[in-house]
C-alpha atoms as a PDB file:
ATOM      1  CA  MET A   1      80.381  89.009 108.751  1.00  0.00           C
ATOM      2  CA  ASN A   2      77.973  88.163 105.947  1.00  0.00           C
ATOM      3  CA  SER A   3      78.458  85.174 103.646  1.00  0.00           C
ATOM      4  CA  ARG A   4      79.513  87.295 100.630  1.00  0.00           C
ATOM      5  CA  LYS A   5      82.277  88.952 102.635  1.00  0.00           C
ATOM      6  CA  LYS A   6      83.398  85.610 104.088  1.00  0.00           C
ATOM      7  CA  ALA A   7      83.588  84.062 100.609  1.00  0.00           C
ATOM      8  CA  ASP A   8      85.539  87.062  99.295  1.00  0.00           C
ATOM      9  CA  GLU A   9      87.997  86.870 102.221  1.00  0.00           C
ATOM     10  CA  ALA A  10      88.650  83.220 101.361  1.00  0.00           C
ATOM     11  CA  LEU A  11      89.157  84.148  97.703  1.00  0.00           C
ATOM     12  CA  TYR A  12      91.550  86.975  98.679  1.00  0.00           C
ATOM     13  CA  LYS A  13      93.711  84.543 100.652  1.00  0.00           C
ATOM     14  CA  LYS A  14      94.154  82.561  97.414  1.00  0.00           C
ATOM     15  CA  THR A  15      94.500  85.393  94.916  1.00  0.00           C
ATOM     16  CA  ARG A  16      96.717  87.768  96.917  1.00  0.00           C
ATOM     17  CA  PRO A  17      99.850  85.590  96.549  1.00  0.00           C
ATOM     18  CA  GLN A  18      98.969  85.030  92.883  1.00  0.00           C
ATOM     19  CA  ALA A  19      98.822  88.796  92.301  1.00  0.00           C
ATOM     20  CA  ILE A  20     102.222  89.252  93.965  1.00  0.00           C
ATOM     21  CA  GLU A  21     103.704  86.534  91.769  1.00  0.00           C
ATOM     22  CA  ARG A  22     102.071  87.904  88.615  1.00  0.00           C
ATOM     23  CA  ASP A  23     103.326  91.444  89.306  1.00  0.00           C
ATOM     24  CA  GLN A  24     106.722  90.129  90.471  1.00  0.00           C
ATOM     25  CA  GLY A  25     106.293  91.977  93.755  1.00  0.00           C
ATOM     26  CA  LEU A  26     106.575  95.325  91.985  1.00  0.00           C
ATOM     27  CA  CYS A  27     104.209  98.273  91.878  1.00  0.00           C
ATOM     28  CA  VAL A  28     102.269  98.176  88.619  1.00  0.00           C
ATOM     29  CA  LEU A  29     102.302 101.988  88.422  1.00  0.00           C
ATOM     30  CA  CYS A  30     105.900 102.974  89.141  1.00  0.00           C
ATOM     31  CA  GLY A  31     107.918  99.744  89.340  1.00  0.00           C
ATOM     32  CA  ALA A  32     109.056 100.173  92.968  1.00  0.00           C
ATOM     33  CA  MET A  33     108.862  97.315  95.460  1.00  0.00           C
ATOM     34  CA  ALA A  34     105.168  96.765  96.221  1.00  0.00           C
ATOM     35  CA  SER A  35     103.932  96.882  99.778  1.00  0.00           C
ATOM     36  CA  GLU A  36     100.210  96.356  99.210  1.00  0.00           C
ATOM     37  CA  VAL A  37      97.804  94.355  97.072  1.00  0.00           C
ATOM     38  CA  HIS A  38      95.113  96.808  96.038  1.00  0.00           C
ATOM     39  CA  HIS A  39      91.532  96.183  94.897  1.00  0.00           C
ATOM     40  CA  ILE A  40      91.113  98.158  91.667  1.00  0.00           C
ATOM     41  CA  LEU A  41      87.353  98.333  92.169  1.00  0.00           C
ATOM     42  CA  PHE A  42      87.023  98.696  95.934  1.00  0.00           C
ATOM     43  CA  ARG A  43      85.165  96.010  97.854  1.00  0.00           C
ATOM     44  CA  GLY A  44      82.830  98.665  99.216  1.00  0.00           C
ATOM     45  CA  ARG A  45      81.825  99.483  95.669  1.00  0.00           C
ATOM     46  CA  GLY A  46      81.126  95.866  94.750  1.00  0.00           C
ATOM     47  CA  GLY A  47      84.613  94.783  93.724  1.00  0.00           C
ATOM     48  CA  LEU A  48      85.659  91.232  94.467  1.00  0.00           C
ATOM     49  CA  SER A  49      89.036  89.656  95.101  1.00  0.00           C
ATOM     50  CA  ASN A  50      89.322  88.128  91.629  1.00  0.00           C
ATOM     51  CA  LEU A  51      92.863  88.177  90.301  1.00  0.00           C
ATOM     52  CA  ASP A  52      91.899  90.633  87.557  1.00  0.00           C
ATOM     53  CA  ASN A  53      90.685  93.100  90.223  1.00  0.00           C
ATOM     54  CA  LEU A  54      93.959  93.079  92.191  1.00  0.00           C
ATOM     55  CA  ALA A  55      97.146  95.042  91.579  1.00  0.00           C
ATOM     56  CA  CYS A  56     100.370  95.368  93.553  1.00  0.00           C
ATOM     57  CA  LEU A  57     101.173  98.936  94.591  1.00  0.00           C
ATOM     58  CA  CYS A  58     103.895 100.659  96.570  1.00  0.00           C
ATOM     59  CA  ARG A  59     102.819 102.809  99.498  1.00  0.00           C
ATOM     60  CA  ASP A  60     103.127 106.102  97.593  1.00  0.00           C
ATOM     61  CA  CYS A  61     101.027 104.903  94.661  1.00  0.00           C
ATOM     62  CA  LEU A  62      98.451 103.355  97.013  1.00  0.00           C
ATOM     63  CA  LEU A  63      98.029 106.708  98.761  1.00  0.00           C
ATOM     64  CA  TYR A  64      97.803 108.457  95.393  1.00  0.00           C
ATOM     65  CA  THR A  65      95.086 106.091  94.096  1.00  0.00           C
ATOM     66  CA  SER A  66      93.174 106.245  97.390  1.00  0.00           C
ATOM     67  CA  ASP A  67      93.156 110.045  97.226  1.00  0.00           C
ATOM     68  CA  ALA A  68      91.955 109.957  93.617  1.00  0.00           C
ATOM     69  CA  ALA A  69      88.977 107.736  94.447  1.00  0.00           C
END
């Protein structure tokens, strides 16, 4: 694992619980109970685990956004 990925993993461990708290554990798209914390700009496309790049999503909305990408 390269150093950028290691640093981002450490950041994600901090920001993931913050995103859940910020979004009150609810999907930001439909309001259902969230099951995932999603990177808005995918890591593979240069997105980082900053709080402003994370959103809580339910499984259905996660699949919808993944298909749209």
